[in-house]
Structures are given as C-alpha cells and as structure tokens.
Amino acid sequence: MRLTVVLSAEPVDVELVPLAVANGRLRARDAQRDVERTLPLSAITRVAGLGLAS
C-alpha cells in the first residue's frame, strides 16, 4: 500500500506492506529499503493501493 505520512513539515509518500496495527501505531515492512517501520496512525494522511476486492 502507498501512504502519505507527515512526521515533520513535509509530507512523504512511502510504499509499505502492513504487518500489524496496535496501540495507535502501524507496523509495516518497507521492502525497498529492507527495514521495518512503525508509524503513528495520526501521521498518516492518505492511503492508496489497498487492492480490496468487492
């Protein structure tokens, strides 16, 4: 999924694979950089590319 995140002054687009949501945070894998990230949900301003089937 593609997220827009605001942690400082500038919004940043990141592509992540979600792993878990708990305690107001998203834990996800950034495959491009081969790291795991934890982001506060309040910092996420846009979500795209969930690929939900209807």
C-alpha atoms as a PDB file:
ATOM      1  CA  MET A   1       0.000   0.000   0.000  1.00  0.00           C
ATOM      2  CA  ARG A   2       1.088   3.574  -0.581  1.00  0.00           C
ATOM      3  CA  LEU A   3       0.882   6.043   2.311  1.00  0.00           C
ATOM      4  CA  THR A   4       1.382   9.757   2.652  1.00  0.00           C
ATOM      5  CA  VAL A   5       2.927  10.453   6.048  1.00  0.00           C
ATOM      6  CA  VAL A   6       3.598  13.759   7.801  1.00  0.00           C
ATOM      7  CA  LEU A   7       6.220  13.365  10.535  1.00  0.00           C
ATOM      8  CA  SER A   8       7.886  16.732  10.096  1.00  0.00           C
ATOM      9  CA  ALA A   9       6.918  19.748   7.963  1.00  0.00           C
ATOM     10  CA  GLU A  10       6.843  17.946   4.588  1.00  0.00           C
ATOM     11  CA  PRO A  11       4.513  15.087   3.593  1.00  0.00           C
ATOM     12  CA  VAL A  12       6.359  11.981   2.371  1.00  0.00           C
ATOM     13  CA  ASP A  13       4.997   9.148   0.189  1.00  0.00           C
ATOM     14  CA  VAL A  14       6.101   5.647   1.194  1.00  0.00           C
ATOM     15  CA  GLU A  15       5.221   2.172  -0.032  1.00  0.00           C
ATOM     16  CA  LEU A  16       4.774  -0.318   2.784  1.00  0.00           C
ATOM     17  CA  VAL A  17       3.499  -3.829   3.427  1.00  0.00           C
ATOM     18  CA  PRO A  18       1.305  -3.675   6.547  1.00  0.00           C
ATOM     19  CA  LEU A  19       2.102  -6.139   9.331  1.00  0.00           C
ATOM     20  CA  ALA A  20       0.045  -5.002  12.337  1.00  0.00           C
ATOM     21  CA  VAL A  21      -1.913  -2.160  13.885  1.00  0.00           C
ATOM     22  CA  ALA A  22      -1.787  -1.780  17.671  1.00  0.00           C
ATOM     23  CA  ASN A  23      -1.722   0.997  20.267  1.00  0.00           C
ATOM     24  CA  GLY A  24      -2.285   3.719  17.676  1.00  0.00           C
ATOM     25  CA  ARG A  25       0.656   2.640  15.505  1.00  0.00           C
ATOM     26  CA  LEU A  26       1.109   0.898  12.167  1.00  0.00           C
ATOM     27  CA  ARG A  27       3.929  -1.640  11.930  1.00  0.00           C
ATOM     28  CA  ALA A  28       4.904  -2.238   8.301  1.00  0.00           C
ATOM     29  CA  ARG A  29       7.710  -3.508   6.084  1.00  0.00           C
ATOM     30  CA  ASP A  30       9.453  -1.132   3.692  1.00  0.00           C
ATOM     31  CA  ALA A  31      10.643  -3.648   1.069  1.00  0.00           C
ATOM     32  CA  GLN A  32      12.554  -1.057  -0.968  1.00  0.00           C
ATOM     33  CA  ARG A  33      14.829  -0.240   1.984  1.00  0.00           C
ATOM     34  CA  ASP A  34      14.603  -3.676   3.642  1.00  0.00           C
ATOM     35  CA  VAL A  35      13.516  -2.267   7.019  1.00  0.00           C
ATOM     36  CA  GLU A  36      10.520  -2.451   9.314  1.00  0.00           C
ATOM     37  CA  ARG A  37       8.849   0.844  10.216  1.00  0.00           C
ATOM     38  CA  THR A  38       6.485   1.832  12.991  1.00  0.00           C
ATOM     39  CA  LEU A  39       4.373   4.904  12.297  1.00  0.00           C
ATOM     40  CA  PRO A  40       1.799   6.673  14.460  1.00  0.00           C
ATOM     41  CA  LEU A  41      -1.631   6.464  12.822  1.00  0.00           C
ATOM     42  CA  SER A  42      -2.068  10.204  13.388  1.00  0.00           C
ATOM     43  CA  ALA A  43       0.835  10.841  10.965  1.00  0.00           C
ATOM     44  CA  ILE A  44      -0.881   9.008   8.076  1.00  0.00           C
ATOM     45  CA  THR A  45      -2.813  11.457   5.898  1.00  0.00           C
ATOM     46  CA  ARG A  46      -3.521   9.322   2.815  1.00  0.00           C
ATOM     47  CA  VAL A  47      -3.803   5.606   1.993  1.00  0.00           C
ATOM     48  CA  ALA A  48      -3.871   4.187  -1.543  1.00  0.00           C
ATOM     49  CA  GLY A  49      -3.467   0.835  -3.241  1.00  0.00           C
ATOM     50  CA  LEU A  50      -5.189  -1.467  -0.793  1.00  0.00           C
ATOM     51  CA  GLY A  51      -6.477  -3.669  -3.625  1.00  0.00           C
ATOM     52  CA  LEU A  52      -9.706  -4.569  -1.841  1.00  0.00           C
ATOM     53  CA  ALA A  53     -11.923  -6.997  -3.768  1.00  0.00           C
ATOM     54  CA  SER A  54     -15.662  -6.410  -3.801  1.00  0.00           C
END
